[in-house]
N, C-alpha and C. Protein backbone atom coordinates (compact mmCIF):
# COMPACT_ATOMS: atom_id res chain seq x y z
N MET A 1 32.78 66.21 79.53
CA MET A 1 33.24 66.06 80.97
C MET A 1 34.81 66.77 81.16
N LYS A 2 35.54 66.17 80.33
CA LYS A 2 37.03 66.45 80.28
C LYS A 2 37.10 68.20 79.84
N GLN A 3 36.38 68.53 78.97
CA GLN A 3 36.40 69.88 78.62
C GLN A 3 36.04 70.93 79.77
N ILE A 4 35.03 70.43 80.57
CA ILE A 4 34.67 71.19 81.73
C ILE A 4 35.87 71.38 82.78
N ILE A 5 36.54 70.12 82.95
CA ILE A 5 37.62 70.28 83.80
C ILE A 5 38.83 71.03 83.33
N TYR A 6 39.10 71.07 81.99
CA TYR A 6 40.24 71.97 81.46
C TYR A 6 39.68 73.40 81.55
N ILE A 7 38.45 73.73 81.32
CA ILE A 7 38.02 74.96 81.40
C ILE A 7 38.10 75.48 82.80
N ALA A 8 37.84 74.67 83.72
CA ALA A 8 37.83 75.11 85.24
C ALA A 8 39.38 75.19 85.59
N LEU A 9 40.31 74.37 85.20
CA LEU A 9 41.70 74.62 85.45
C LEU A 9 42.30 75.72 84.73
N LEU A 10 41.89 75.97 83.55
CA LEU A 10 42.36 77.07 82.91
C LEU A 10 41.96 78.41 83.59
N THR A 11 40.68 78.50 83.91
CA THR A 11 40.07 79.56 84.69
C THR A 11 40.88 79.82 86.00
N LEU A 12 41.17 78.82 86.83
CA LEU A 12 41.98 78.86 88.02
C LEU A 12 43.40 79.34 87.87
N SER A 13 43.85 78.90 86.71
CA SER A 13 45.37 79.28 86.44
C SER A 13 45.38 80.81 86.10
N PHE A 14 44.45 81.29 85.40
CA PHE A 14 44.29 82.64 85.16
C PHE A 14 44.05 83.63 86.36
N SER A 15 43.27 83.07 87.15
CA SER A 15 43.18 83.75 88.41
C SER A 15 44.36 83.79 89.23
N ALA A 16 45.05 82.77 89.22
CA ALA A 16 46.30 82.83 90.03
C ALA A 16 47.35 83.80 89.48
N PHE A 17 47.36 83.93 88.20
CA PHE A 17 48.29 84.89 87.59
C PHE A 17 47.95 86.27 87.67
N SER A 18 46.51 86.54 87.90
CA SER A 18 46.15 87.80 87.93
C SER A 18 46.12 88.47 89.45
N GLN A 19 46.61 87.56 90.44
CA GLN A 19 46.59 88.01 91.74
C GLN A 19 47.64 89.25 91.99
N THR A 20 47.23 90.12 92.87
CA THR A 20 48.18 91.22 93.09
C THR A 20 48.95 91.07 94.47
N LYS A 21 50.05 91.68 94.45
CA LYS A 21 50.94 91.62 95.71
C LYS A 21 51.15 92.95 96.10
N VAL A 22 50.45 93.51 97.17
CA VAL A 22 50.54 94.93 97.52
C VAL A 22 51.53 94.99 98.81
N GLY A 23 52.47 96.15 98.70
CA GLY A 23 53.35 96.26 99.75
C GLY A 23 53.24 97.77 100.23
N THR A 24 53.80 98.11 101.48
CA THR A 24 53.64 99.34 102.02
C THR A 24 55.28 99.88 102.19
N ILE A 25 55.53 101.05 102.34
CA ILE A 25 56.79 101.71 102.63
C ILE A 25 56.51 102.98 103.38
N ASN A 26 57.40 103.34 104.27
CA ASN A 26 57.37 104.41 104.98
C ASN A 26 58.67 105.32 104.55
N ASN A 27 58.36 106.06 103.46
CA ASN A 27 59.36 106.92 102.77
C ASN A 27 60.14 107.98 103.86
N GLU A 28 59.30 108.44 104.65
CA GLU A 28 59.83 109.49 105.66
C GLU A 28 60.77 108.86 106.74
N TYR A 29 60.42 107.56 107.07
CA TYR A 29 61.30 106.93 107.89
C TYR A 29 62.52 106.60 107.32
N ILE A 30 62.49 106.01 106.07
CA ILE A 30 63.70 105.74 105.35
C ILE A 30 64.55 106.86 105.25
N LEU A 31 63.98 107.99 104.82
CA LEU A 31 64.76 109.22 104.60
C LEU A 31 65.42 109.67 105.84
N SER A 32 64.79 109.49 107.00
CA SER A 32 65.41 109.83 108.31
C SER A 32 66.53 109.07 108.70
N GLN A 33 66.55 107.82 108.11
CA GLN A 33 67.60 106.87 108.41
C GLN A 33 68.99 107.13 107.57
N MET A 34 68.68 107.64 106.28
CA MET A 34 69.73 107.90 105.43
C MET A 34 70.83 108.80 105.97
N PRO A 35 72.14 108.34 105.81
CA PRO A 35 73.12 109.29 106.23
C PRO A 35 73.28 110.64 105.61
N GLU A 36 72.77 110.72 104.33
CA GLU A 36 72.85 111.82 103.44
C GLU A 36 71.88 113.05 104.01
N ILE A 37 70.85 112.53 104.85
CA ILE A 37 69.89 113.48 105.39
C ILE A 37 70.50 114.71 106.15
N LYS A 38 71.66 114.30 106.98
CA LYS A 38 72.22 115.25 107.73
C LYS A 38 72.86 116.38 106.88
N ASP A 39 73.61 116.07 105.74
CA ASP A 39 73.97 116.97 104.81
C ASP A 39 72.92 118.01 104.33
N VAL A 40 71.97 117.26 103.96
CA VAL A 40 70.69 118.12 103.53
C VAL A 40 70.27 119.15 104.35
N GLU A 41 70.12 118.65 105.71
CA GLU A 41 69.65 119.44 106.88
C GLU A 41 70.52 120.62 107.14
N GLU A 42 71.90 120.40 107.07
CA GLU A 42 72.91 121.44 107.07
C GLU A 42 72.82 122.53 106.05
N LYS A 43 72.62 121.84 104.84
CA LYS A 43 72.38 122.76 103.60
C LYS A 43 71.38 123.71 103.64
N LEU A 44 69.95 122.99 104.28
CA LEU A 44 68.93 123.91 104.33
C LEU A 44 68.99 124.90 105.41
N LYS A 45 69.73 124.52 106.51
CA LYS A 45 69.87 125.51 107.66
C LYS A 45 70.72 126.71 107.11
N THR A 46 71.73 126.46 106.25
CA THR A 46 72.53 127.37 105.75
C THR A 46 71.69 128.21 104.78
N TYR A 47 71.00 127.74 103.91
CA TYR A 47 70.23 128.40 102.99
C TYR A 47 69.06 129.40 103.67
N SER A 48 68.36 128.80 104.81
CA SER A 48 67.53 129.55 105.38
C SER A 48 68.10 130.71 106.03
N ALA A 49 69.34 130.54 106.72
CA ALA A 49 70.13 131.70 107.39
C ALA A 49 70.35 132.61 106.30
N LYS A 50 70.74 132.33 105.32
CA LYS A 50 71.08 133.18 104.07
C LYS A 50 69.72 134.11 103.64
N LEU A 51 68.74 133.40 103.73
CA LEU A 51 67.33 134.12 103.35
C LEU A 51 67.00 135.03 104.43
N ASP A 52 67.16 134.58 105.80
CA ASP A 52 66.98 135.46 106.91
C ASP A 52 67.76 136.77 106.82
N SER A 53 69.09 136.53 106.57
CA SER A 53 70.00 137.61 106.48
C SER A 53 69.65 138.66 105.33
N THR A 54 69.22 138.02 104.20
CA THR A 54 68.82 139.07 103.12
C THR A 54 67.64 139.81 103.60
N ILE A 55 66.76 139.16 104.16
CA ILE A 55 65.41 139.82 104.73
C ILE A 55 65.82 140.91 105.65
N GLN A 56 66.69 140.62 106.67
CA GLN A 56 67.09 141.49 107.73
C GLN A 56 67.91 142.76 107.11
N GLN A 57 68.67 142.52 106.21
CA GLN A 57 69.49 143.44 105.40
C GLN A 57 68.52 144.46 104.74
N LYS A 58 67.43 143.80 104.12
CA LYS A 58 66.33 144.63 103.48
C LYS A 58 65.67 145.47 104.41
N TYR A 59 65.49 144.82 105.70
CA TYR A 59 64.54 145.69 106.70
C TYR A 59 65.45 146.75 107.28
N VAL A 60 66.74 146.53 107.44
CA VAL A 60 67.61 147.67 107.97
C VAL A 60 67.70 148.81 106.97
N GLU A 61 67.66 148.37 105.69
CA GLU A 61 67.68 149.35 104.59
C GLU A 61 66.43 150.25 104.66
N TYR A 62 65.29 149.55 104.71
CA TYR A 62 63.94 150.09 104.86
C TYR A 62 63.89 151.15 106.09
N GLN A 63 64.39 150.75 107.25
CA GLN A 63 64.35 151.61 108.49
C GLN A 63 65.13 152.73 108.19
N GLU A 64 66.39 152.54 107.61
CA GLU A 64 67.16 153.88 107.31
C GLU A 64 66.56 154.80 106.40
N VAL A 65 65.84 154.39 105.50
CA VAL A 65 65.28 155.35 104.50
C VAL A 65 64.00 155.95 105.16
N VAL A 66 63.31 155.27 106.02
CA VAL A 66 62.21 155.88 106.77
C VAL A 66 62.63 156.74 107.66
N ALA A 67 63.83 156.59 108.43
CA ALA A 67 64.43 157.35 109.49
C ALA A 67 64.97 158.62 108.78
N ASN A 68 65.44 158.57 107.62
CA ASN A 68 66.13 159.67 106.80
C ASN A 68 64.94 160.49 106.22
N TYR A 69 63.88 159.92 105.98
CA TYR A 69 62.62 160.74 105.60
C TYR A 69 62.02 161.35 106.66
N ASN A 70 61.89 160.96 107.71
CA ASN A 70 61.26 161.58 108.97
C ASN A 70 62.21 162.71 109.30
N GLU A 71 63.44 162.51 109.49
CA GLU A 71 64.37 163.60 109.79
C GLU A 71 64.25 164.86 108.86
N GLY A 72 64.41 164.55 107.54
CA GLY A 72 64.51 165.76 106.65
C GLY A 72 63.11 166.07 105.96
N GLU A 73 61.88 165.60 106.40
CA GLU A 73 60.74 165.80 105.63
C GLU A 73 60.44 167.30 105.77
N LYS A 74 60.75 168.09 106.89
CA LYS A 74 60.44 169.44 107.00
C LYS A 74 61.08 170.30 105.95
N ASP A 75 62.41 169.87 105.59
CA ASP A 75 63.09 170.58 104.65
C ASP A 75 62.80 170.24 103.21
N MET A 76 62.03 169.16 103.02
CA MET A 76 61.82 168.64 101.57
C MET A 76 60.76 169.40 100.76
N SER A 77 60.97 169.61 99.56
CA SER A 77 59.93 170.10 98.67
C SER A 77 58.83 169.03 98.68
N ASP A 78 57.75 169.37 98.06
CA ASP A 78 56.55 168.43 97.82
C ASP A 78 57.00 167.24 96.98
N LEU A 79 57.73 167.66 95.84
CA LEU A 79 58.39 166.77 94.92
C LEU A 79 59.30 165.73 95.40
N MET A 80 60.03 166.04 96.27
CA MET A 80 61.14 165.50 96.78
C MET A 80 60.37 164.48 97.92
N LYS A 81 59.43 164.97 98.60
CA LYS A 81 58.67 164.12 99.54
C LYS A 81 58.01 163.01 98.77
N LYS A 82 57.34 163.29 97.60
CA LYS A 82 56.72 162.38 96.76
C LYS A 82 57.77 161.09 96.30
N MET A 83 58.83 161.67 96.00
CA MET A 83 59.95 160.67 95.51
C MET A 83 60.35 159.85 96.57
N LYS A 84 60.59 160.39 97.84
CA LYS A 84 61.12 159.66 99.15
C LYS A 84 59.88 158.66 99.49
N GLN A 85 58.66 159.07 99.38
CA GLN A 85 57.60 158.26 99.86
C GLN A 85 57.39 157.10 98.81
N GLY A 86 57.71 157.45 97.48
CA GLY A 86 57.67 156.40 96.49
C GLY A 86 58.70 155.28 96.74
N GLU A 87 59.93 155.74 97.16
CA GLU A 87 61.00 154.88 97.51
C GLU A 87 60.61 154.04 98.72
N ILE A 88 60.09 154.73 99.75
CA ILE A 88 59.59 154.00 100.79
C ILE A 88 58.65 152.94 100.63
N VAL A 89 57.65 153.10 99.73
CA VAL A 89 56.67 152.33 99.29
C VAL A 89 57.20 150.98 98.71
N ASP A 90 58.25 151.30 97.64
CA ASP A 90 58.77 150.40 96.85
C ASP A 90 59.62 149.33 97.81
N LEU A 91 60.30 150.10 98.79
CA LEU A 91 61.07 149.11 99.72
C LEU A 91 60.06 148.20 100.57
N GLU A 92 59.07 148.76 100.94
CA GLU A 92 57.95 147.92 101.69
C GLU A 92 57.58 146.77 100.85
N GLU A 93 57.21 147.23 99.59
CA GLU A 93 56.60 146.06 98.77
C GLU A 93 57.86 145.12 98.53
N ASP A 94 59.10 145.40 98.23
CA ASP A 94 60.23 144.55 98.24
C ASP A 94 60.42 143.61 99.43
N LEU A 95 60.29 144.28 100.65
CA LEU A 95 60.47 143.55 101.85
C LEU A 95 59.23 142.54 101.89
N GLN A 96 58.01 142.93 101.64
CA GLN A 96 56.94 141.96 101.78
C GLN A 96 57.24 140.90 100.83
N ASN A 97 57.34 141.20 99.60
CA ASN A 97 57.61 140.00 98.59
C ASN A 97 58.78 139.12 98.89
N LEU A 98 59.72 139.65 99.41
CA LEU A 98 60.84 138.97 99.80
C LEU A 98 60.39 137.82 101.11
N GLN A 99 59.59 138.43 102.09
CA GLN A 99 59.08 137.66 103.11
C GLN A 99 58.26 136.48 102.61
N GLU A 100 57.30 136.79 101.59
CA GLU A 100 56.32 135.88 101.16
C GLU A 100 57.09 134.91 100.37
N ASN A 101 58.04 135.31 99.42
CA ASN A 101 58.76 134.34 98.71
C ASN A 101 59.86 133.37 99.33
N SER A 102 60.28 133.89 100.42
CA SER A 102 61.26 133.08 101.29
C SER A 102 60.92 131.68 101.61
N SER A 103 59.67 131.54 102.06
CA SER A 103 59.17 130.23 102.30
C SER A 103 59.08 129.36 101.13
N LYS A 104 58.74 129.78 100.09
CA LYS A 104 58.62 129.14 98.68
C LYS A 104 60.00 128.69 98.13
N MET A 105 60.85 129.74 98.25
CA MET A 105 62.30 129.52 97.95
C MET A 105 62.84 128.44 98.75
N LEU A 106 62.63 128.33 100.04
CA LEU A 106 63.17 127.46 100.86
C LEU A 106 62.66 126.07 100.72
N GLN A 107 61.27 126.00 100.21
CA GLN A 107 60.52 124.72 99.86
C GLN A 107 61.15 124.08 98.62
N LEU A 108 61.35 125.08 97.62
CA LEU A 108 62.04 124.67 96.37
C LEU A 108 63.45 124.08 96.50
N GLN A 109 64.24 124.85 97.40
CA GLN A 109 65.68 124.32 97.77
C GLN A 109 65.66 122.90 98.43
N GLN A 110 64.57 122.82 99.35
CA GLN A 110 64.49 121.45 99.99
C GLN A 110 64.11 120.40 99.07
N ASP A 111 63.14 120.61 98.16
CA ASP A 111 62.91 119.71 97.08
C ASP A 111 64.09 119.24 96.29
N GLU A 112 64.85 120.13 95.85
CA GLU A 112 66.09 120.03 95.19
C GLU A 112 67.07 119.16 95.74
N TYR A 113 67.38 119.38 97.09
CA TYR A 113 68.18 118.63 97.90
C TYR A 113 67.67 117.22 98.19
N LEU A 114 66.31 117.07 98.36
CA LEU A 114 65.91 115.73 98.75
C LEU A 114 65.56 114.91 97.47
N ARG A 115 65.44 115.54 96.20
CA ARG A 115 65.20 114.72 94.96
C ARG A 115 66.18 113.53 94.79
N PRO A 116 67.49 113.71 95.01
CA PRO A 116 68.39 112.58 94.77
C PRO A 116 68.23 111.54 95.86
N LEU A 117 67.77 111.79 97.04
CA LEU A 117 67.49 110.76 97.99
C LEU A 117 66.24 110.03 97.65
N TYR A 118 65.18 110.68 97.21
CA TYR A 118 63.95 109.94 96.89
C TYR A 118 64.17 109.20 95.53
N ASN A 119 65.10 109.70 94.82
CA ASN A 119 65.48 108.83 93.54
C ASN A 119 66.10 107.61 93.98
N LYS A 120 67.07 107.44 94.94
CA LYS A 120 67.81 106.44 95.46
C LYS A 120 66.81 105.57 96.08
N ILE A 121 65.82 105.96 96.84
CA ILE A 121 64.97 105.17 97.46
C ILE A 121 64.11 104.45 96.38
N GLY A 122 63.58 105.29 95.50
CA GLY A 122 62.75 104.79 94.35
C GLY A 122 63.49 103.68 93.63
N LYS A 123 64.59 103.82 93.23
CA LYS A 123 65.37 102.77 92.62
C LYS A 123 65.56 101.40 93.32
N THR A 124 65.69 101.63 94.80
CA THR A 124 65.88 100.46 95.47
C THR A 124 64.45 99.81 95.63
N VAL A 125 63.41 100.58 95.75
CA VAL A 125 62.13 99.87 95.79
C VAL A 125 61.68 99.34 94.49
N GLU A 126 62.14 99.72 93.38
CA GLU A 126 61.94 99.28 92.06
C GLU A 126 62.55 97.93 92.05
N ALA A 127 63.74 97.65 92.39
CA ALA A 127 64.46 96.50 92.53
C ALA A 127 63.78 95.47 93.40
N ILE A 128 63.31 95.84 94.69
CA ILE A 128 62.50 94.96 95.44
C ILE A 128 61.29 94.65 94.59
N VAL A 129 60.50 95.39 94.07
CA VAL A 129 59.27 95.18 93.43
C VAL A 129 59.57 94.03 92.41
N ILE A 130 60.64 94.17 91.65
CA ILE A 130 60.85 93.18 90.64
C ILE A 130 61.40 91.85 91.29
N GLU A 131 62.25 91.89 92.27
CA GLU A 131 62.46 90.68 92.98
C GLU A 131 61.52 89.90 93.61
N ASP A 132 60.56 90.60 94.17
CA ASP A 132 59.40 90.06 94.95
C ASP A 132 58.16 89.81 94.35
N GLY A 133 58.02 90.64 93.26
CA GLY A 133 56.88 90.32 92.39
C GLY A 133 55.66 91.17 92.96
N PHE A 134 55.90 92.48 93.70
CA PHE A 134 54.88 93.35 94.09
C PHE A 134 54.20 93.97 93.00
N THR A 135 52.91 94.27 93.00
CA THR A 135 52.25 94.90 92.03
C THR A 135 51.87 96.28 92.57
N GLN A 136 51.78 96.51 93.70
CA GLN A 136 51.48 97.87 94.23
C GLN A 136 52.27 98.10 95.46
N ILE A 137 52.74 99.32 95.67
CA ILE A 137 53.37 99.78 96.86
C ILE A 137 52.71 101.01 97.27
N PHE A 138 52.35 100.96 98.51
CA PHE A 138 51.81 102.25 99.14
C PHE A 138 52.75 103.10 100.01
N ASP A 139 52.64 104.24 100.06
CA ASP A 139 53.46 105.06 101.17
C ASP A 139 52.47 105.04 102.38
N GLU A 140 52.99 104.54 103.55
CA GLU A 140 52.27 104.49 104.82
C GLU A 140 51.66 105.80 105.27
N ASN A 141 52.27 106.97 104.80
CA ASN A 141 51.85 108.23 105.39
C ASN A 141 50.76 108.77 104.39
N ASN A 142 50.30 108.04 103.50
CA ASN A 142 49.08 108.39 102.72
C ASN A 142 47.91 107.77 103.44
N SER A 143 46.64 107.94 102.90
CA SER A 143 45.62 107.44 103.64
C SER A 143 45.29 106.12 103.21
N ILE A 144 45.84 105.15 104.08
CA ILE A 144 45.43 103.79 103.77
C ILE A 144 44.52 103.23 104.94
N ILE A 145 43.66 102.65 104.67
CA ILE A 145 42.47 102.20 105.71
C ILE A 145 43.02 100.88 106.24
N TYR A 146 43.61 99.98 105.63
CA TYR A 146 44.23 98.82 106.21
C TYR A 146 45.18 98.12 105.16
N ILE A 147 46.22 97.58 105.75
CA ILE A 147 47.12 96.79 104.70
C ILE A 147 47.86 95.80 105.73
N ASP A 148 48.15 94.72 105.37
CA ASP A 148 48.82 93.64 106.28
C ASP A 148 50.26 94.07 106.40
N PRO A 149 50.71 94.23 107.53
CA PRO A 149 52.05 94.72 107.87
C PRO A 149 53.24 93.78 107.27
N LYS A 150 52.86 92.62 107.14
CA LYS A 150 53.90 91.70 106.62
C LYS A 150 54.47 92.19 105.32
N PHE A 151 53.61 93.12 104.53
CA PHE A 151 53.97 93.42 103.09
C PHE A 151 54.87 94.71 103.20
N ASP A 152 55.11 95.17 104.41
CA ASP A 152 56.00 96.43 104.48
C ASP A 152 57.25 96.34 104.17
N ILE A 153 57.96 96.93 103.03
CA ILE A 153 59.32 96.59 102.74
C ILE A 153 60.22 97.78 103.23
N THR A 154 59.76 98.55 104.14
CA THR A 154 60.66 99.54 104.71
C THR A 154 62.05 99.14 105.16
N LEU A 155 61.86 98.09 105.98
CA LEU A 155 63.27 97.67 106.63
C LEU A 155 64.13 96.89 105.54
N LYS A 156 63.44 96.30 104.63
CA LYS A 156 64.12 95.58 103.61
C LYS A 156 64.82 96.64 102.69
N THR A 157 64.20 97.66 102.39
CA THR A 157 64.68 98.77 101.54
C THR A 157 65.93 99.15 102.19
N LEU A 158 65.87 99.71 103.53
CA LEU A 158 66.96 100.18 104.37
C LEU A 158 68.13 99.14 104.12
N LYS A 159 67.91 97.89 104.44
CA LYS A 159 68.86 96.86 104.44
C LYS A 159 69.49 96.76 102.99
N LYS A 160 68.73 96.83 102.02
CA LYS A 160 69.39 96.72 100.62
C LYS A 160 70.19 97.93 100.19
N MET A 161 69.74 99.08 100.87
CA MET A 161 70.50 100.30 100.60
C MET A 161 71.91 100.31 101.50
N GLY A 162 71.98 99.34 102.38
CA GLY A 162 73.09 99.31 103.32
C GLY A 162 73.11 100.14 104.50
N ILE A 163 72.03 100.52 104.85
CA ILE A 163 71.74 101.36 105.94
C ILE A 163 71.28 100.51 107.28
N GLU A 164 72.04 100.75 108.31
CA GLU A 164 71.77 100.09 109.49
C GLU A 164 70.71 100.83 110.23
N VAL A 165 69.68 99.98 110.72
CA VAL A 165 68.46 100.56 111.28
C VAL A 165 68.87 100.77 112.81
N LYS A 166 68.67 102.03 113.21
CA LYS A 166 69.07 102.40 114.65
C LYS A 166 67.92 102.27 115.57
N ASP A 167 66.74 102.80 115.17
CA ASP A 167 65.41 102.51 115.94
C ASP A 167 64.41 102.04 114.96
N THR A 168 63.76 101.02 115.47
CA THR A 168 62.80 100.41 114.62
C THR A 168 61.44 100.96 114.76
N PRO A 169 60.87 101.44 113.68
CA PRO A 169 59.36 101.90 113.81
C PRO A 169 58.39 100.80 113.88
N ASP A 170 57.29 101.18 113.83
CA ASP A 170 56.14 100.05 113.96
C ASP A 170 56.05 99.32 112.54
N VAL A 171 56.99 98.68 112.23
CA VAL A 171 57.01 97.92 110.84
C VAL A 171 57.42 96.62 111.12
N THR A 172 56.66 95.65 110.39
CA THR A 172 57.11 94.35 110.48
C THR A 172 58.04 93.88 109.27
N PRO A 173 59.12 93.47 109.57
CA PRO A 173 60.11 93.13 108.36
C PRO A 173 59.47 91.80 107.63
N GLU A 174 59.69 91.96 106.35
CA GLU A 174 59.15 90.72 105.49
C GLU A 174 60.24 89.81 105.65
């Protein structure tokens, strides 16, 4: 009889140790509250303006070459026309590639600027996970069917990072 009680107690203690503690976080909200985000937004605005300027400059260059071609086409030999048409086609391709790549380049630059902020959030979350014994943290912006709001560590993360909350989202502080 004592053996059955010991086995039952042992089983209960194992199940107590194997329980999980799940938390959620709203990374986007934390990011929006970080003072560093203003600097990132300014840098991205500057970088975007630089890309736009480059595209605009390339477009002006393209327009000039086309205008020059149209003006002098009558006086050009067939060989010269082919060379100028090739130049126009090359400029069109460059312009198109530049336009297509500018959004990719902007996204890469944004990722580079935001990486240190996400790393800072990650280190803070890691410390909270260790302190509070969480086994899982989910980002609220991913598809979560249900999770108890009392496990949301968004506000606690902001507090631990020394960021004063200006407007409170729909989170319940732990």
